[in-house]
N, C-alpha and C. Protein backbone atom coordinates (compact mmCIF):
# COMPACT_ATOMS: atom_id res chain seq x y z
N UNK A 1 84.91 69.81 64.59
CA UNK A 1 86.01 70.68 64.99
C UNK A 1 85.48 71.65 66.02
N UNK A 2 86.25 71.89 67.06
CA UNK A 2 85.93 72.84 68.13
C UNK A 2 86.02 74.23 67.61
N UNK A 3 85.22 75.10 68.19
CA UNK A 3 85.31 76.54 67.84
C UNK A 3 85.72 77.28 69.13
N UNK A 4 86.81 77.95 69.05
CA UNK A 4 87.30 78.77 70.20
C UNK A 4 87.22 80.23 69.75
N UNK A 5 86.47 81.06 70.47
CA UNK A 5 86.41 82.45 70.05
C UNK A 5 87.77 83.19 70.20
N UNK A 6 87.94 84.13 69.35
CA UNK A 6 89.18 84.97 69.41
C UNK A 6 88.84 86.39 69.03
N UNK A 7 89.79 87.25 69.38
CA UNK A 7 89.62 88.70 69.04
C UNK A 7 90.13 88.91 67.62
N UNK A 8 89.32 89.43 66.74
CA UNK A 8 89.80 89.74 65.40
C UNK A 8 90.91 90.78 65.41
N UNK A 9 91.81 90.72 64.41
CA UNK A 9 92.94 91.70 64.35
C UNK A 9 92.47 93.11 64.45
N UNK A 10 91.42 93.49 63.74
CA UNK A 10 91.00 94.89 63.70
C UNK A 10 90.38 95.34 65.02
N UNK A 11 90.05 94.41 65.94
CA UNK A 11 89.50 94.80 67.23
C UNK A 11 90.49 94.73 68.38
N UNK A 12 91.72 94.25 68.08
CA UNK A 12 92.69 94.11 69.13
C UNK A 12 93.17 95.45 69.62
N UNK A 13 93.38 95.57 70.90
CA UNK A 13 93.83 96.81 71.53
C UNK A 13 94.95 96.48 72.55
N UNK A 14 95.66 97.52 72.86
CA UNK A 14 96.68 97.42 73.92
C UNK A 14 97.65 96.28 73.71
N UNK A 15 97.87 95.52 74.78
CA UNK A 15 98.86 94.42 74.76
C UNK A 15 98.57 93.40 73.68
N UNK A 16 97.31 93.10 73.43
CA UNK A 16 96.96 92.14 72.37
C UNK A 16 97.35 92.66 71.03
N UNK A 17 97.10 93.90 70.77
CA UNK A 17 97.45 94.48 69.46
C UNK A 17 98.98 94.41 69.24
N UNK A 18 99.70 94.69 70.32
CA UNK A 18 101.18 94.56 70.23
C UNK A 18 101.65 93.11 69.95
N UNK A 19 101.02 92.18 70.63
CA UNK A 19 101.37 90.80 70.40
C UNK A 19 101.02 90.36 68.94
N UNK A 20 99.87 90.77 68.44
CA UNK A 20 99.54 90.50 67.07
C UNK A 20 100.61 91.06 66.14
N UNK A 21 101.08 92.30 66.42
CA UNK A 21 102.13 92.89 65.55
C UNK A 21 103.42 92.13 65.69
N UNK A 22 103.75 91.75 66.85
CA UNK A 22 105.03 91.06 67.12
C UNK A 22 105.07 89.67 66.45
N UNK A 23 104.03 88.93 66.60
CA UNK A 23 103.97 87.54 66.14
C UNK A 23 103.33 87.36 64.79
N UNK A 24 102.72 88.39 64.27
CA UNK A 24 102.01 88.29 63.02
C UNK A 24 102.83 88.55 61.75
N UNK A 25 104.03 89.07 61.94
CA UNK A 25 104.89 89.34 60.76
C UNK A 25 104.31 90.48 59.97
N UNK A 26 104.91 90.72 58.81
CA UNK A 26 104.51 91.81 57.93
C UNK A 26 103.00 91.76 57.51
N UNK A 27 102.48 90.50 57.38
CA UNK A 27 101.11 90.36 56.93
C UNK A 27 100.11 90.40 58.08
N UNK A 28 100.61 90.48 59.32
CA UNK A 28 99.78 90.54 60.51
C UNK A 28 98.90 89.28 60.59
N UNK A 29 99.47 88.14 60.29
CA UNK A 29 98.74 86.84 60.36
C UNK A 29 99.36 85.99 61.45
N UNK A 30 98.62 85.76 62.48
CA UNK A 30 99.06 84.93 63.58
C UNK A 30 98.45 83.54 63.45
N UNK A 31 99.25 82.48 63.62
CA UNK A 31 98.71 81.14 63.51
C UNK A 31 97.55 80.94 64.44
N UNK A 32 96.56 80.16 63.99
CA UNK A 32 95.35 79.92 64.76
C UNK A 32 95.68 79.38 66.14
N UNK A 33 96.67 78.50 66.25
CA UNK A 33 97.02 77.90 67.54
C UNK A 33 97.49 78.95 68.55
N UNK A 34 98.04 80.05 68.02
CA UNK A 34 98.43 81.16 68.89
C UNK A 34 97.26 82.12 69.09
N UNK A 35 96.49 82.35 68.06
CA UNK A 35 95.45 83.32 68.09
C UNK A 35 94.28 82.92 69.08
N UNK A 36 94.19 81.63 69.38
CA UNK A 36 93.16 81.28 70.38
C UNK A 36 93.44 81.83 71.77
N UNK A 37 94.65 82.32 71.97
CA UNK A 37 95.00 82.93 73.29
C UNK A 37 94.59 84.43 73.32
N UNK A 38 93.95 84.90 72.29
CA UNK A 38 93.65 86.34 72.23
C UNK A 38 92.80 86.87 73.40
N UNK A 39 91.98 86.01 73.97
CA UNK A 39 91.17 86.46 75.10
C UNK A 39 92.00 86.52 76.37
N UNK A 40 93.23 86.02 76.34
CA UNK A 40 94.13 86.04 77.50
C UNK A 40 95.54 86.34 76.98
N UNK A 41 95.87 87.62 76.66
CA UNK A 41 97.14 87.92 76.05
C UNK A 41 98.38 87.39 76.79
N UNK A 42 98.36 87.41 78.15
CA UNK A 42 99.56 86.85 78.79
C UNK A 42 99.81 85.35 78.42
N UNK A 43 98.73 84.61 78.24
CA UNK A 43 98.91 83.21 77.85
C UNK A 43 99.48 83.10 76.45
N UNK A 44 99.16 84.05 75.54
CA UNK A 44 99.76 84.10 74.23
C UNK A 44 101.26 84.29 74.32
N UNK A 45 101.66 85.24 75.12
CA UNK A 45 103.09 85.52 75.32
C UNK A 45 103.81 84.28 75.89
N UNK A 46 103.22 83.66 76.89
CA UNK A 46 103.80 82.48 77.48
C UNK A 46 103.90 81.33 76.52
N UNK A 47 102.86 81.12 75.67
CA UNK A 47 102.86 80.10 74.67
C UNK A 47 104.05 80.29 73.69
N UNK A 48 104.22 81.53 73.24
CA UNK A 48 105.30 81.79 72.32
C UNK A 48 106.69 81.66 72.94
N UNK A 49 106.79 82.03 74.21
CA UNK A 49 108.09 81.83 74.91
C UNK A 49 108.43 80.34 75.07
N UNK A 50 107.42 79.53 75.40
CA UNK A 50 107.63 78.11 75.50
C UNK A 50 107.99 77.49 74.15
N UNK A 51 107.27 77.87 73.11
CA UNK A 51 107.56 77.38 71.77
C UNK A 51 108.98 77.70 71.38
N UNK A 52 109.38 78.99 71.57
CA UNK A 52 110.71 79.41 71.25
C UNK A 52 111.77 78.64 71.98
N UNK A 53 111.53 78.41 73.29
CA UNK A 53 112.53 77.62 74.05
C UNK A 53 112.59 76.18 73.56
N UNK A 54 111.47 75.59 73.26
CA UNK A 54 111.46 74.21 72.81
C UNK A 54 112.11 74.02 71.47
N UNK A 55 111.92 75.00 70.58
CA UNK A 55 112.45 74.87 69.22
C UNK A 55 113.84 75.44 69.05
N UNK A 56 114.23 76.40 69.86
CA UNK A 56 115.50 77.04 69.65
C UNK A 56 116.42 77.00 70.89
N UNK A 57 115.89 76.56 72.03
CA UNK A 57 116.70 76.54 73.26
C UNK A 57 117.69 75.38 73.27
N UNK A 58 118.47 75.31 74.33
CA UNK A 58 119.47 74.22 74.43
C UNK A 58 118.77 72.87 74.40
N UNK A 59 119.34 71.94 73.66
CA UNK A 59 118.77 70.60 73.53
C UNK A 59 119.77 69.69 72.85
N UNK A 60 119.68 68.40 73.20
CA UNK A 60 120.51 67.43 72.49
C UNK A 60 120.00 67.18 71.03
N UNK A 61 118.78 67.66 70.76
CA UNK A 61 118.23 67.49 69.40
C UNK A 61 118.57 68.72 68.57
N UNK A 62 118.82 68.50 67.26
CA UNK A 62 119.07 69.63 66.37
C UNK A 62 117.76 70.30 66.08
N UNK A 63 117.87 71.49 65.44
CA UNK A 63 116.64 72.23 65.09
C UNK A 63 115.86 71.40 64.04
N UNK A 64 116.58 70.78 63.11
CA UNK A 64 115.92 69.94 62.08
C UNK A 64 115.17 68.77 62.72
N UNK A 65 115.81 68.12 63.70
CA UNK A 65 115.11 66.97 64.39
C UNK A 65 113.87 67.42 65.10
N UNK A 66 113.92 68.61 65.74
CA UNK A 66 112.75 69.12 66.42
C UNK A 66 111.61 69.45 65.48
N UNK A 67 112.00 70.05 64.33
CA UNK A 67 110.98 70.35 63.30
C UNK A 67 110.36 69.07 62.73
N UNK A 68 111.19 68.02 62.55
CA UNK A 68 110.73 66.74 62.08
C UNK A 68 109.70 66.10 63.07
N UNK A 69 109.99 66.25 64.33
CA UNK A 69 109.07 65.74 65.38
C UNK A 69 107.76 66.49 65.32
N UNK A 70 107.84 67.80 65.17
CA UNK A 70 106.61 68.62 65.15
C UNK A 70 105.77 68.26 63.93
N UNK A 71 106.39 68.03 62.74
CA UNK A 71 105.64 67.67 61.59
C UNK A 71 105.01 66.28 61.77
N UNK A 72 105.75 65.34 62.32
CA UNK A 72 105.23 64.01 62.55
C UNK A 72 104.01 64.04 63.51
N UNK A 73 104.12 64.80 64.55
CA UNK A 73 103.01 64.89 65.53
C UNK A 73 101.79 65.56 64.88
N UNK A 74 102.01 66.59 64.07
CA UNK A 74 100.93 67.24 63.37
C UNK A 74 100.26 66.33 62.44
N UNK A 75 101.06 65.55 61.69
CA UNK A 75 100.48 64.55 60.73
C UNK A 75 99.66 63.51 61.53
N UNK A 76 100.23 63.01 62.61
CA UNK A 76 99.54 61.97 63.39
C UNK A 76 98.19 62.51 63.98
N UNK A 77 98.13 63.83 64.29
CA UNK A 77 96.92 64.42 64.79
C UNK A 77 96.02 64.92 63.68
N UNK A 78 96.37 64.61 62.43
CA UNK A 78 95.61 65.05 61.30
C UNK A 78 95.41 66.57 61.27
N UNK A 79 96.47 67.29 61.66
CA UNK A 79 96.45 68.71 61.72
C UNK A 79 96.68 69.28 60.32
N UNK A 80 95.89 70.24 59.89
CA UNK A 80 95.95 70.75 58.54
C UNK A 80 97.16 71.67 58.28
N UNK A 81 97.89 72.09 59.32
CA UNK A 81 99.02 72.95 59.06
C UNK A 81 100.26 72.16 59.41
């Protein structure tokens, strides 16, 4: 498994701290796939905007169909989440 360094929650400052608050929910837990962007906060913001558009934006696919595709791809990639 690859190791990608990230900024711990307690060390986040400025824009990164705000993004952690925005995307971390009440528990301040950001998914690892998002947290790897912590060294480049603008890329974290862009990642989340893209994800939001793909999952909730206009599409001939329903939200359920999109979620099913995401689960299938994750399973095919042997992804633990």
